[in-house]
Amino acid sequence: MALRLTLGAPAVSNESPSADHAEVSAISGERVSVLAAASAPPGAPVELVSASRVFEGRVRSCQRVSATQYRIELRLVNFSKPAREELQALMARPRSQD
C-alpha cells in the first residue's frame, strides 16, 4: 500500500502539519523532494495528491529535518512536462501572512 500525501502550500503557523500533508521543496529532473510529517523507507511507493492529479513515485531517501518533519526524496514515474509545471507552481506559491 502506498503512502498517500496531500500536496499543499507551505505552512506558516507553528502548528505541526497533519500526517498526510506534504510541501514540495525541490525539483530536479524526475526527482522531487517534499517535506512531510510522515516518514517512509527507501523503495516505498508514494502518491502525492494535488488538486488536479496524483503523482506516483518511489522513495529514494528519507531524512528527519526536525522533530515533526522529514525530507523525502522521490523518483516520480510518468513525470510529464505539465506535471512538472504543476509541481513547480505549487513550490512557488508565496507563504500567506496571518
C-alpha atoms as a PDB file:
ATOM      1  CA  MET A   1       0.000   0.000   0.000  1.00  0.00           C
ATOM      2  CA  ALA A   2       1.358   3.411  -0.975  1.00  0.00           C
ATOM      3  CA  LEU A   3       1.934   6.297   1.411  1.00  0.00           C
ATOM      4  CA  ARG A   4      -0.580   8.945   0.297  1.00  0.00           C
ATOM      5  CA  LEU A   5       0.430  12.584   0.881  1.00  0.00           C
ATOM      6  CA  THR A   6      -1.676  15.641   0.066  1.00  0.00           C
ATOM      7  CA  LEU A   7       0.324  18.457  -1.519  1.00  0.00           C
ATOM      8  CA  GLY A   8      -0.282  21.910  -0.165  1.00  0.00           C
ATOM      9  CA  ALA A   9       1.197  25.344   0.241  1.00  0.00           C
ATOM     10  CA  PRO A  10       3.929  25.835   2.823  1.00  0.00           C
ATOM     11  CA  ALA A  11       2.595  26.131   6.353  1.00  0.00           C
ATOM     12  CA  VAL A  12       3.060  29.442   8.143  1.00  0.00           C
ATOM     13  CA  SER A  13       1.728  28.710  11.613  1.00  0.00           C
ATOM     14  CA  ASN A  14       3.559  26.955  14.411  1.00  0.00           C
ATOM     15  CA  GLU A  15       1.083  24.079  14.295  1.00  0.00           C
ATOM     16  CA  SER A  16       2.543  20.795  13.202  1.00  0.00           C
ATOM     17  CA  PRO A  17       1.193  19.692   9.816  1.00  0.00           C
ATOM     18  CA  SER A  18      -1.190  16.777   9.565  1.00  0.00           C
ATOM     19  CA  ALA A  19       0.351  13.374   8.940  1.00  0.00           C
ATOM     20  CA  ASP A  20      -0.748  13.340   5.298  1.00  0.00           C
ATOM     21  CA  HIS A  21       0.388  16.896   4.394  1.00  0.00           C
ATOM     22  CA  ALA A  22       3.440  17.473   2.169  1.00  0.00           C
ATOM     23  CA  GLU A  23       5.149  20.518   0.679  1.00  0.00           C
ATOM     24  CA  VAL A  24       7.301  20.414  -2.461  1.00  0.00           C
ATOM     25  CA  SER A  25      10.768  21.702  -1.544  1.00  0.00           C
ATOM     26  CA  ALA A  26      12.879  20.902  -4.642  1.00  0.00           C
ATOM     27  CA  ILE A  27      12.569  19.517  -8.167  1.00  0.00           C
ATOM     28  CA  SER A  28      15.498  18.176 -10.176  1.00  0.00           C
ATOM     29  CA  GLY A  29      14.712  16.132 -13.262  1.00  0.00           C
ATOM     30  CA  GLU A  30      12.413  13.296 -12.234  1.00  0.00           C
ATOM     31  CA  ARG A  31      13.438  13.678  -8.594  1.00  0.00           C
ATOM     32  CA  VAL A  32      11.224  15.625  -6.223  1.00  0.00           C
ATOM     33  CA  SER A  33      11.869  16.424  -2.575  1.00  0.00           C
ATOM     34  CA  VAL A  34       8.970  17.011  -0.225  1.00  0.00           C
ATOM     35  CA  LEU A  35       8.716  17.964   3.424  1.00  0.00           C
ATOM     36  CA  ALA A  36       6.225  15.788   5.269  1.00  0.00           C
ATOM     37  CA  ALA A  37       5.216  14.775   8.782  1.00  0.00           C
ATOM     38  CA  ALA A  38       5.354  11.104   7.767  1.00  0.00           C
ATOM     39  CA  SER A  39       8.454   9.055   7.085  1.00  0.00           C
ATOM     40  CA  ALA A  40       8.883   6.277   4.534  1.00  0.00           C
ATOM     41  CA  PRO A  41      11.575   3.664   3.892  1.00  0.00           C
ATOM     42  CA  PRO A  42      13.612   3.622   0.651  1.00  0.00           C
ATOM     43  CA  GLY A  43      11.740   1.879  -2.160  1.00  0.00           C
ATOM     44  CA  ALA A  44       8.306   2.517  -0.662  1.00  0.00           C
ATOM     45  CA  PRO A  45       5.603   3.639  -3.101  1.00  0.00           C
ATOM     46  CA  VAL A  46       4.257   7.157  -2.544  1.00  0.00           C
ATOM     47  CA  GLU A  47       1.325   9.026  -4.059  1.00  0.00           C
ATOM     48  CA  LEU A  48       1.402  12.837  -3.999  1.00  0.00           C
ATOM     49  CA  VAL A  49      -2.132  14.159  -4.378  1.00  0.00           C
ATOM     50  CA  SER A  50      -2.716  17.668  -5.736  1.00  0.00           C
ATOM     51  CA  ALA A  51      -5.964  19.383  -6.661  1.00  0.00           C
ATOM     52  CA  SER A  52      -5.874  18.048 -10.223  1.00  0.00           C
ATOM     53  CA  ARG A  53      -3.734  14.882 -10.310  1.00  0.00           C
ATOM     54  CA  VAL A  54      -1.953  12.133  -8.431  1.00  0.00           C
ATOM     55  CA  PHE A  55       1.829  11.842  -8.814  1.00  0.00           C
ATOM     56  CA  GLU A  56       3.235   8.360  -8.258  1.00  0.00           C
ATOM     57  CA  GLY A  57       6.778   7.640  -7.213  1.00  0.00           C
ATOM     58  CA  ARG A  58       9.197   5.657  -5.090  1.00  0.00           C
ATOM     59  CA  VAL A  59      11.185   6.843  -2.081  1.00  0.00           C
ATOM     60  CA  ARG A  60      14.903   7.276  -2.763  1.00  0.00           C
ATOM     61  CA  SER A  61      15.742   8.581   0.694  1.00  0.00           C
ATOM     62  CA  CYS A  62      14.098   9.913   3.834  1.00  0.00           C
ATOM     63  CA  GLN A  63      15.784  12.105   6.445  1.00  0.00           C
ATOM     64  CA  ARG A  64      14.455  13.703   9.613  1.00  0.00           C
ATOM     65  CA  VAL A  65      14.894  17.508   9.435  1.00  0.00           C
ATOM     66  CA  SER A  66      13.077  18.463  12.658  1.00  0.00           C
ATOM     67  CA  ALA A  67      11.099  16.867  15.457  1.00  0.00           C
ATOM     68  CA  THR A  68       7.966  16.818  13.292  1.00  0.00           C
ATOM     69  CA  GLN A  69       9.245  16.854   9.704  1.00  0.00           C
ATOM     70  CA  TYR A  70      11.003  14.584   7.219  1.00  0.00           C
ATOM     71  CA  ARG A  71      12.561  15.369   3.841  1.00  0.00           C
ATOM     72  CA  ILE A  72      11.539  12.616   1.455  1.00  0.00           C
ATOM     73  CA  GLU A  73      13.309  12.411  -1.906  1.00  0.00           C
ATOM     74  CA  LEU A  74      11.201  10.683  -4.540  1.00  0.00           C
ATOM     75  CA  ARG A  75      11.713   9.441  -8.064  1.00  0.00           C
ATOM     76  CA  LEU A  76       8.456  10.087  -9.864  1.00  0.00           C
ATOM     77  CA  VAL A  77       7.154   7.808 -12.614  1.00  0.00           C
ATOM     78  CA  ASN A  78       5.374   9.061 -15.745  1.00  0.00           C
ATOM     79  CA  PHE A  79       6.519  12.612 -14.957  1.00  0.00           C
ATOM     80  CA  SER A  80       5.316  14.757 -17.873  1.00  0.00           C
ATOM     81  CA  LYS A  81       6.059  18.416 -18.613  1.00  0.00           C
ATOM     82  CA  PRO A  82       2.566  19.564 -17.466  1.00  0.00           C
ATOM     83  CA  ALA A  83       3.023  17.592 -14.233  1.00  0.00           C
ATOM     84  CA  ARG A  84       6.431  19.226 -13.638  1.00  0.00           C
ATOM     85  CA  GLU A  85       4.914  22.678 -14.245  1.00  0.00           C
ATOM     86  CA  GLU A  86       2.130  21.950 -11.753  1.00  0.00           C
ATOM     87  CA  LEU A  87       4.633  20.922  -9.065  1.00  0.00           C
ATOM     88  CA  GLN A  88       6.785  23.992  -9.762  1.00  0.00           C
ATOM     89  CA  ALA A  89       3.707  26.194  -9.362  1.00  0.00           C
ATOM     90  CA  LEU A  90       2.946  24.551  -6.008  1.00  0.00           C
ATOM     91  CA  MET A  91       6.536  25.105  -4.890  1.00  0.00           C
ATOM     92  CA  ALA A  92       6.483  28.771  -5.976  1.00  0.00           C
ATOM     93  CA  ARG A  93       3.311  29.705  -4.052  1.00  0.00           C
ATOM     94  CA  PRO A  94       4.021  32.542  -1.651  1.00  0.00           C
ATOM     95  CA  ARG A  95       3.530  31.926   2.052  1.00  0.00           C
ATOM     96  CA  SER A  96       0.405  33.624   3.335  1.00  0.00           C
ATOM     97  CA  GLN A  97       0.926  36.028   6.216  1.00  0.00           C
ATOM     98  CA  ASP A  98      -1.554  35.754   9.104  1.00  0.00           C
END
